[in-house]
């Protein structure tokens, strides 16, 4: 179980102020890390690991299944509508993985705010650009 060993995790009171938005999550906060440190956090237990992996699995599922299930023949010659739909469907899980993975970045609150905006942008994209088709 060596892969579960990571840096010493923080409790809620010791975590950076911009990460203290959920008073019910008391432990498991990652310390401020570099980009590579954030990536290494994929291999030890902490309070964001479930979010990272579940959204990552959804992203992989979309990457595999979405192109195979699109009715490309019904979308016209250029396929821009299908491409837009694919991007809109991939944006929320991709933004969410990036947000949860890098929210403890040593850049602090400015990096966190940009990541949160990216995550919310993905939600907006899927709500505004994801078209629905009726396949016969």
Protein backbone atom coordinates (compact mmCIF):
# COMPACT_ATOMS: atom_id res chain seq x y z
CA UNK A 1 0.00 0.00 0.00
CA UNK A 2 2.95 2.31 -0.55
CA UNK A 3 1.04 4.18 -3.24
CA UNK A 4 -1.36 5.39 -0.55
CA UNK A 5 1.43 7.19 1.29
CA UNK A 6 1.52 10.85 0.43
CA UNK A 7 2.37 14.06 2.22
CA UNK A 8 0.90 14.79 5.61
CA UNK A 9 -2.69 15.84 5.04
CA UNK A 10 -4.21 18.87 6.69
CA UNK A 11 -7.36 19.30 8.73
CA UNK A 12 -9.99 21.92 7.91
CA UNK A 13 -8.55 24.58 10.23
CA UNK A 14 -5.04 24.16 8.76
CA UNK A 15 -6.12 24.24 5.13
CA UNK A 16 -5.85 27.45 3.09
CA UNK A 17 -8.79 29.83 3.59
CA UNK A 18 -9.96 29.49 -0.02
CA UNK A 19 -10.44 25.74 0.54
CA UNK A 20 -12.45 26.14 3.75
CA UNK A 21 -15.85 26.22 2.06
CA UNK A 22 -17.23 22.96 3.47
CA UNK A 23 -17.15 22.84 7.26
CA UNK A 24 -18.33 19.22 7.22
CA UNK A 25 -15.16 17.92 5.53
CA UNK A 26 -12.85 17.99 8.52
CA UNK A 27 -9.73 16.16 7.31
CA UNK A 28 -7.88 14.97 4.25
CA UNK A 29 -6.89 18.32 2.73
CA UNK A 30 -3.78 18.22 0.56
CA UNK A 31 -1.05 20.73 1.35
CA UNK A 32 -0.21 23.39 -1.24
CA UNK A 33 1.66 21.63 -4.03
CA UNK A 34 3.36 22.26 -7.33
CA UNK A 35 1.73 21.04 -10.52
CA UNK A 36 3.65 17.77 -10.33
CA UNK A 37 2.71 17.43 -6.67
CA UNK A 38 -0.94 17.81 -7.62
CA UNK A 39 -0.53 15.07 -10.22
CA UNK A 40 1.16 12.81 -7.65
CA UNK A 41 -1.93 13.20 -5.48
CA UNK A 42 -3.67 10.82 -7.88
CA UNK A 43 -1.87 8.01 -6.07
CA UNK A 44 -2.71 8.59 -2.40
CA UNK A 45 -5.92 8.99 -0.44
CA UNK A 46 -7.27 12.48 0.27
CA UNK A 47 -10.64 14.18 0.39
CA UNK A 48 -10.82 15.03 -3.34
CA UNK A 49 -9.72 11.66 -4.72
CA UNK A 50 -13.27 10.37 -5.20
CA UNK A 51 -14.23 13.48 -7.17
CA UNK A 52 -11.14 13.23 -9.36
CA UNK A 53 -11.61 9.57 -10.21
CA UNK A 54 -15.39 9.58 -10.69
CA UNK A 55 -15.26 12.60 -12.97
CA UNK A 56 -12.21 11.16 -14.72
CA UNK A 57 -14.07 7.92 -15.40
CA UNK A 58 -16.98 9.91 -16.82
CA UNK A 59 -14.55 11.81 -19.05
CA UNK A 60 -13.01 8.57 -20.32
CA UNK A 61 -16.48 7.13 -20.91
CA UNK A 62 -17.49 10.17 -22.94
CA UNK A 63 -14.23 10.06 -24.92
CA UNK A 64 -14.87 6.45 -25.88
CA UNK A 65 -18.64 6.29 -26.28
CA UNK A 66 -19.60 9.71 -27.58
CA UNK A 67 -17.90 9.49 -30.99
CA UNK A 68 -19.24 5.96 -31.48
CA UNK A 69 -22.85 6.84 -30.70
CA UNK A 70 -23.16 10.12 -32.59
CA UNK A 71 -25.41 9.96 -35.67
CA UNK A 72 -22.66 11.49 -37.83
CA UNK A 73 -24.48 10.66 -41.08
CA UNK A 74 -27.50 12.73 -40.05
CA UNK A 75 -25.49 15.83 -39.15
CA UNK A 76 -24.64 17.13 -42.60
CA UNK A 77 -21.38 17.38 -44.47
CA UNK A 78 -19.25 19.48 -42.17
CA UNK A 79 -20.32 17.92 -38.85
CA UNK A 80 -19.88 21.15 -36.87
CA UNK A 81 -23.00 20.41 -34.84
CA UNK A 82 -21.67 17.01 -33.82
CA UNK A 83 -18.27 18.46 -32.96
CA UNK A 84 -19.87 21.20 -30.89
CA UNK A 85 -21.96 18.61 -29.08
CA UNK A 86 -18.87 16.50 -28.33
CA UNK A 87 -16.95 19.47 -26.95
CA UNK A 88 -19.93 20.52 -24.85
CA UNK A 89 -20.31 17.02 -23.40
CA UNK A 90 -16.60 16.67 -22.64
CA UNK A 91 -16.22 20.11 -21.04
CA UNK A 92 -17.90 19.43 -17.65
CA UNK A 93 -15.97 16.29 -16.67
CA UNK A 94 -12.70 17.71 -18.04
CA UNK A 95 -13.13 20.98 -16.16
CA UNK A 96 -14.13 19.12 -13.03
CA UNK A 97 -11.10 16.82 -13.12
CA UNK A 98 -8.78 19.81 -13.55
CA UNK A 99 -10.53 21.73 -10.77
CA UNK A 100 -10.44 18.93 -8.21
CA UNK A 101 -6.93 17.81 -9.14
CA UNK A 102 -5.25 21.22 -9.04
CA UNK A 103 -7.32 23.05 -6.42
CA UNK A 104 -4.48 22.65 -3.90
CA UNK A 105 -1.93 24.25 -6.25
CA UNK A 106 0.66 26.44 -4.57
CA UNK A 107 -0.60 29.39 -6.63
CA UNK A 108 -3.30 29.75 -3.99
CA UNK A 109 -6.58 31.57 -4.35
CA UNK A 110 -5.97 33.07 -7.84
CA UNK A 111 -5.30 29.62 -9.33
CA UNK A 112 -8.25 28.16 -7.43
CA UNK A 113 -10.56 30.89 -8.74
CA UNK A 114 -9.50 30.24 -12.35
CA UNK A 115 -10.00 26.51 -11.92
CA UNK A 116 -13.46 27.05 -10.46
CA UNK A 117 -14.34 29.33 -13.38
CA UNK A 118 -13.13 26.65 -15.82
CA UNK A 119 -15.27 24.06 -14.05
CA UNK A 120 -18.35 26.29 -14.20
CA UNK A 121 -17.62 27.12 -17.84
CA UNK A 122 -17.90 23.42 -18.63
CA UNK A 123 -21.31 23.28 -16.97
CA UNK A 124 -22.44 26.32 -18.98
CA UNK A 125 -21.19 24.76 -22.22
CA UNK A 126 -23.12 21.56 -21.74
CA UNK A 127 -26.27 23.48 -20.84
CA UNK A 128 -26.08 25.81 -23.83
CA UNK A 129 -24.38 23.84 -26.62
CA UNK A 130 -25.22 20.18 -26.11
CA UNK A 131 -27.87 19.54 -28.74
CA UNK A 132 -30.24 16.61 -28.59
CA UNK A 133 -30.93 14.38 -31.53
CA UNK A 134 -33.76 12.06 -32.18
CA UNK A 135 -32.34 8.98 -33.81
CA UNK A 136 -34.69 6.80 -35.78
